[in-house]
PDB file of N, CA and C in Angstrom:
ATOM      1  N   MET A   1      -3.086 -12.651   8.590  1.00  0.00           N
ATOM      2  CA  MET A   1      -3.634 -11.695   9.548  1.00  0.00           C
ATOM      3  C   MET A   1      -3.360 -10.585   8.411  1.00  0.00           C
ATOM      4  N   PHE A   2      -2.776 -10.178   8.712  1.00  0.00           N
ATOM      5  CA  PHE A   2      -2.600  -8.546   7.729  1.00  0.00           C
ATOM      6  C   PHE A   2      -3.566  -8.584   5.768  1.00  0.00           C
ATOM      7  N   CYS A   3      -4.211  -9.659   6.661  1.00  0.00           N
ATOM      8  CA  CYS A   3      -5.161  -9.083   4.643  1.00  0.00           C
ATOM      9  C   CYS A   3      -6.781  -9.215   5.291  1.00  0.00           C
ATOM     10  N   SER A   4      -6.668 -10.623   6.643  1.00  0.00           N
ATOM     11  CA  SER A   4      -7.757  -9.973   7.232  1.00  0.00           C
ATOM     12  C   SER A   4      -8.318  -8.518   8.457  1.00  0.00           C
ATOM     13  N   TYR A   5      -7.285  -8.235   9.011  1.00  0.00           N
ATOM     14  CA  TYR A   5      -7.197  -6.681   9.306  1.00  0.00           C
ATOM     15  C   TYR A   5      -6.746  -6.102   8.420  1.00  0.00           C
ATOM     16  N   THR A   6      -6.775  -5.773   7.234  1.00  0.00           N
ATOM     17  CA  THR A   6      -6.935  -4.998   6.007  1.00  0.00           C
ATOM     18  C   THR A   6      -8.598  -4.799   5.640  1.00  0.00           C
ATOM     19  N   ARG A   7      -8.678  -5.251   5.774  1.00  0.00           N
ATOM     20  CA  ARG A   7     -10.230  -6.125   5.033  1.00  0.00           C
ATOM     21  C   ARG A   7     -11.259  -5.566   5.883  1.00  0.00           C
ATOM     22  N   GLU A   8     -10.894  -6.269   6.962  1.00  0.00           N
ATOM     23  CA  GLU A   8     -11.986  -5.878   8.524  1.00  0.00           C
ATOM     24  C   GLU A   8     -12.018  -4.434   8.301  1.00  0.00           C
ATOM     25  N   ASN A   9     -10.505  -3.412   8.248  1.00  0.00           N
ATOM     26  CA  ASN A   9     -10.814  -1.743   9.309  1.00  0.00           C
ATOM     27  C   ASN A   9     -10.730  -1.143   7.896  1.00  0.00           C
ATOM     28  N   HIS A  10     -10.505  -1.927   6.288  1.00  0.00           N
ATOM     29  CA  HIS A  10      -9.981  -1.116   5.058  1.00  0.00           C
ATOM     30  C   HIS A  10      -9.471  -0.220   5.967  1.00  0.00           C
ATOM     31  N   ASP A  11      -7.897  -0.638   6.084  1.00  0.00           N
ATOM     32  CA  ASP A  11      -6.964   0.363   6.400  1.00  0.00           C
ATOM     33  C   ASP A  11      -5.842  -0.511   6.292  1.00  0.00           C
ATOM     34  N   TYR A  12      -4.988  -0.556   5.787  1.00  0.00           N
ATOM     35  CA  TYR A  12      -3.796  -1.614   6.629  1.00  0.00           C
ATOM     36  C   TYR A  12      -3.037  -1.354   7.382  1.00  0.00           C
ATOM     37  N   PRO A  13      -2.712  -1.911   8.711  1.00  0.00           N
ATOM     38  CA  PRO A  13      -2.459  -1.955   9.767  1.00  0.00           C
ATOM     39  C   PRO A  13      -1.045  -1.104   9.683  1.00  0.00           C
ATOM     40  N   ASN A  14      -0.623  -0.974  10.866  1.00  0.00           N
ATOM     41  CA  ASN A  14       0.449  -0.289  10.934  1.00  0.00           C
ATOM     42  C   ASN A  14       1.691  -0.786  11.212  1.00  0.00           C
ATOM     43  N   ALA A  15       3.355  -1.220  11.730  1.00  0.00           N
ATOM     44  CA  ALA A  15       3.483  -2.273  12.555  1.00  0.00           C
ATOM     45  C   ALA A  15       3.680  -2.386  14.281  1.00  0.00           C
ATOM     46  N   ALA A  16       3.088  -1.359  14.572  1.00  0.00           N
ATOM     47  CA  ALA A  16       2.864  -1.417  16.071  1.00  0.00           C
ATOM     48  C   ALA A  16       1.458  -2.371  15.902  1.00  0.00           C
ATOM     49  N   VAL A  17       0.261  -1.767  15.014  1.00  0.00           N
ATOM     50  CA  VAL A  17      -0.359  -2.439  15.666  1.00  0.00           C
ATOM     51  C   VAL A  17      -0.507  -4.015  14.708  1.00  0.00           C
ATOM     52  N   LEU A  18       0.367  -4.441  13.729  1.00  0.00           N
ATOM     53  CA  LEU A  18       0.157  -5.775  13.276  1.00  0.00           C
ATOM     54  C   LEU A  18       1.140  -6.415  15.026  1.00  0.00           C
ATOM     55  N   ASP A  19       1.922  -6.280  15.331  1.00  0.00           N
ATOM     56  CA  ASP A  19       3.023  -6.306  15.541  1.00  0.00           C
ATOM     57  C   ASP A  19       1.644  -7.367  17.830  1.00  0.00           C
ATOM     58  N   ILE A  20       1.850  -6.017  17.791  1.00  0.00           N
ATOM     59  CA  ILE A  20       0.083  -6.662  19.222  1.00  0.00           C
ATOM     60  C   ILE A  20      -0.846  -7.625  18.075  1.00  0.00           C
ATOM     61  N   HIS A  21      -1.260  -7.629  17.367  1.00  0.00           N
ATOM     62  CA  HIS A  21      -1.853  -8.914  16.667  1.00  0.00           C
ATOM     63  C   HIS A  21      -1.316  -9.996  17.141  1.00  0.00           C
ATOM     64  N   LEU A  22       0.341  -9.918  15.852  1.00  0.00           N
ATOM     65  CA  LEU A  22       0.613 -11.573  16.794  1.00  0.00           C
ATOM     66  C   LEU A  22       0.441 -12.043  17.215  1.00  0.00           C
ATOM     67  N   ALA A  23       1.356 -10.969  18.269  1.00  0.00           N
ATOM     68  CA  ALA A  23       1.637 -10.884  20.312  1.00  0.00           C
ATOM     69  C   ALA A  23       0.196 -12.033  20.761  1.00  0.00           C
ATOM     70  N   ASP A  24      -0.845 -11.339  20.625  1.00  0.00           N
ATOM     71  CA  ASP A  24      -1.649 -11.336  20.899  1.00  0.00           C
ATOM     72  C   ASP A  24      -2.823 -12.372  20.575  1.00  0.00           C
ATOM     73  N   GLY A  25      -3.051 -11.900  19.249  1.00  0.00           N
ATOM     74  CA  GLY A  25      -3.836 -13.600  18.966  1.00  0.00           C
ATOM     75  C   GLY A  25      -3.589 -14.673  18.916  1.00  0.00           C
ATOM     76  N   HIS A  26      -1.754 -14.761  18.744  1.00  0.00           N
ATOM     77  CA  HIS A  26      -1.096 -15.727  17.107  1.00  0.00           C
ATOM     78  C   HIS A  26       0.037 -15.641  17.915  1.00  0.00           C
ATOM     79  N   ASN A  27       0.277 -15.182  19.679  1.00  0.00           N
ATOM     80  CA  ASN A  27       1.508 -16.219  20.674  1.00  0.00           C
ATOM     81  C   ASN A  27       3.312 -15.704  19.846  1.00  0.00           C
ATOM     82  N   VAL A  28       3.396 -15.234  18.492  1.00  0.00           N
ATOM     83  CA  VAL A  28       4.347 -14.937  17.944  1.00  0.00           C
ATOM     84  C   VAL A  28       5.429 -13.765  18.577  1.00  0.00           C
ATOM     85  N   HIS A  29       6.014 -14.125  19.291  1.00  0.00           N
ATOM     86  CA  HIS A  29       6.867 -13.025  19.700  1.00  0.00           C
ATOM     87  C   HIS A  29       7.987 -13.087  18.939  1.00  0.00           C
ATOM     88  N   HIS A  30       9.419 -12.048  18.451  1.00  0.00           N
ATOM     89  CA  HIS A  30      10.326 -11.594  18.639  1.00  0.00           C
ATOM     90  C   HIS A  30      10.833 -10.217  19.356  1.00  0.00           C
ATOM     91  N   PRO A  31      12.662 -10.244  19.456  1.00  0.00           N
ATOM     92  CA  PRO A  31      13.007  -9.138  20.016  1.00  0.00           C
ATOM     93  C   PRO A  31      13.157  -7.813  18.810  1.00  0.00           C
ATOM     94  N   ARG A  32      12.467  -8.075  17.682  1.00  0.00           N
ATOM     95  CA  ARG A  32      13.015  -7.563  16.845  1.00  0.00           C
ATOM     96  C   ARG A  32      11.758  -7.203  15.990  1.00  0.00           C
ATOM     97  N   SER A  33      10.620  -7.183  16.102  1.00  0.00           N
ATOM     98  CA  SER A  33       9.686  -7.503  15.471  1.00  0.00           C
ATOM     99  C   SER A  33       8.710  -6.190  14.973  1.00  0.00           C
ATOM    100  N   GLY A  34       8.876  -5.287  16.003  1.00  0.00           N
ATOM    101  CA  GLY A  34       8.766  -4.705  14.638  1.00  0.00           C
ATOM    102  C   GLY A  34      10.245  -4.250  13.897  1.00  0.00           C
ATOM    103  N   ALA A  35      10.980  -3.515  13.436  1.00  0.00           N
ATOM    104  CA  ALA A  35      11.763  -3.298  13.080  1.00  0.00           C
ATOM    105  C   ALA A  35      11.766  -4.045  11.861  1.00  0.00           C
ATOM    106  N   LEU A  36      11.056  -5.023  12.043  1.00  0.00           N
ATOM    107  CA  LEU A  36      11.384  -7.169  11.158  1.00  0.00           C
ATOM    108  C   LEU A  36       9.855  -6.062  10.049  1.00  0.00           C
ATOM    109  N   LEU A  37       8.912  -5.912  10.628  1.00  0.00           N
ATOM    110  CA  LEU A  37       7.088  -5.186  10.405  1.00  0.00           C
ATOM    111  C   LEU A  37       7.574  -4.609   9.625  1.00  0.00           C
ATOM    112  N   ARG A  38       8.178  -3.380  10.458  1.00  0.00           N
ATOM    113  CA  ARG A  38       8.201  -2.676   9.266  1.00  0.00           C
ATOM    114  C   ARG A  38       9.413  -2.907   7.935  1.00  0.00           C
ATOM    115  N   ARG A  39       9.977  -3.552   8.168  1.00  0.00           N
ATOM    116  CA  ARG A  39      10.453  -3.524   6.769  1.00  0.00           C
ATOM    117  C   ARG A  39       9.874  -4.441   6.082  1.00  0.00           C
ATOM    118  N   LEU A  40       8.939  -5.386   6.557  1.00  0.00           N
ATOM    119  CA  LEU A  40       8.401  -5.983   5.548  1.00  0.00           C
ATOM    120  C   LEU A  40       6.734  -5.816   4.968  1.00  0.00           C
ATOM    121  N   LEU A  41       6.383  -4.213   5.755  1.00  0.00           N
ATOM    122  CA  LEU A  41       5.191  -4.051   5.993  1.00  0.00           C
ATOM    123  C   LEU A  41       5.032  -3.626   3.838  1.00  0.00           C
ATOM    124  N   PRO A  42       6.084  -2.764   3.548  1.00  0.00           N
ATOM    125  CA  PRO A  42       5.702  -2.320   1.826  1.00  0.00           C
ATOM    126  C   PRO A  42       5.180  -3.619   1.281  1.00  0.00           C
ATOM    127  N   GLY A  43       6.448  -5.422   1.347  1.00  0.00           N
ATOM    128  CA  GLY A  43       5.990  -5.995   0.228  1.00  0.00           C
ATOM    129  C   GLY A  43       4.280  -6.432   0.539  1.00  0.00           C
ATOM    130  N   PHE A  44       3.998  -6.858   2.152  1.00  0.00           N
ATOM    131  CA  PHE A  44       2.761  -7.268   1.952  1.00  0.00           C
ATOM    132  C   PHE A  44       1.499  -6.313   1.713  1.00  0.00           C
ATOM    133  N   LYS A  45       2.287  -5.063   1.563  1.00  0.00           N
ATOM    134  CA  LYS A  45       0.729  -3.862   0.835  1.00  0.00           C
ATOM    135  C   LYS A  45       0.263  -3.909   0.021  1.00  0.00           C
ATOM    136  N   GLN A  46       1.645  -4.905  -1.340  1.00  0.00           N
ATOM    137  CA  GLN A  46       1.736  -5.029  -2.214  1.00  0.00           C
ATOM    138  C   GLN A  46       1.488  -6.464  -2.596  1.00  0.00           C
ATOM    139  N   ARG A  47       2.067  -7.346  -1.970  1.00  0.00           N
ATOM    140  CA  ARG A  47       0.587  -8.076  -2.317  1.00  0.00           C
ATOM    141  C   ARG A  47      -0.425  -7.989  -2.113  1.00  0.00           C
ATOM    142  N   PHE A  48      -1.058  -7.677  -1.074  1.00  0.00           N
ATOM    143  CA  PHE A  48      -2.095  -7.608  -0.867  1.00  0.00           C
ATOM    144  C   PHE A  48      -2.910  -7.019  -1.614  1.00  0.00           C
ATOM    145  N   ASP A  49      -2.587  -5.408  -2.052  1.00  0.00           N
ATOM    146  CA  ASP A  49      -3.224  -4.916  -3.737  1.00  0.00           C
ATOM    147  C   ASP A  49      -3.184  -5.854  -4.459  1.00  0.00           C
ATOM    148  N   SER A  50      -2.440  -6.657  -5.496  1.00  0.00           N
ATOM    149  CA  SER A  50      -1.846  -6.504  -5.713  1.00  0.00           C
ATOM    150  C   SER A  50      -2.925  -8.543  -6.062  1.00  0.00           C
ATOM    151  N   GLU A  51      -3.785  -8.983  -4.756  1.00  0.00           N
ATOM    152  CA  GLU A  51      -4.330 -10.345  -4.879  1.00  0.00           C
ATOM    153  C   GLU A  51      -6.385  -9.538  -4.482  1.00  0.00           C
ATOM    154  N   MET A  52      -5.530  -8.587  -4.715  1.00  0.00           N
ATOM    155  CA  MET A  52      -6.741  -7.798  -4.591  1.00  0.00           C
ATOM    156  C   MET A  52      -7.969  -7.188  -5.934  1.00  0.00           C
ATOM    157  N   SER A  53      -6.814  -7.294  -6.513  1.00  0.00           N
ATOM    158  CA  SER A  53      -6.520  -6.662  -8.342  1.00  0.00           C
ATOM    159  C   SER A  53      -7.341  -7.518  -9.123  1.00  0.00           C
ATOM    160  N   ALA A  54      -5.786  -8.471  -8.742  1.00  0.00           N
ATOM    161  CA  ALA A  54      -6.527  -9.820  -9.673  1.00  0.00           C
ATOM    162  C   ALA A  54      -7.773 -10.573  -9.152  1.00  0.00           C
ATOM    163  N   ASP A  55      -7.768 -11.162  -7.320  1.00  0.00           N
ATOM    164  CA  ASP A  55      -9.324 -11.014  -7.968  1.00  0.00           C
ATOM    165  C   ASP A  55     -10.577  -9.836  -8.496  1.00  0.00           C
ATOM    166  N   HIS A  56     -10.684  -8.706  -8.566  1.00  0.00           N
ATOM    167  CA  HIS A  56     -10.316  -8.019  -8.614  1.00  0.00           C
ATOM    168  C   HIS A  56     -11.588  -8.119 -10.380  1.00  0.00           C
ATOM    169  N   ILE A  57     -10.627  -8.815 -10.997  1.00  0.00           N
ATOM    170  CA  ILE A  57      -9.960  -8.730 -12.392  1.00  0.00           C
ATOM    171  C   ILE A  57     -11.376  -9.709 -12.785  1.00  0.00           C
ATOM    172  N   ALA A  58     -10.882 -11.351 -12.072  1.00  0.00           N
ATOM    173  CA  ALA A  58     -12.211 -12.428 -12.273  1.00  0.00           C
ATOM    174  C   ALA A  58     -12.964 -12.321 -12.069  1.00  0.00           C
TER     175      ALA A  58
END
């Protein structure tokens, strides 16, 4: 979900946008989803950037 959004919009989603897409598109709900996603976003960004760099080199 994070990767597809980022590729489609050429920008990272923020926690609120990611929360909405997960809830609406995948029926994923959690009472603390906003806080959890804010904590996880830096790792998502880092992994996305690493994978994009690896794909670009290959």
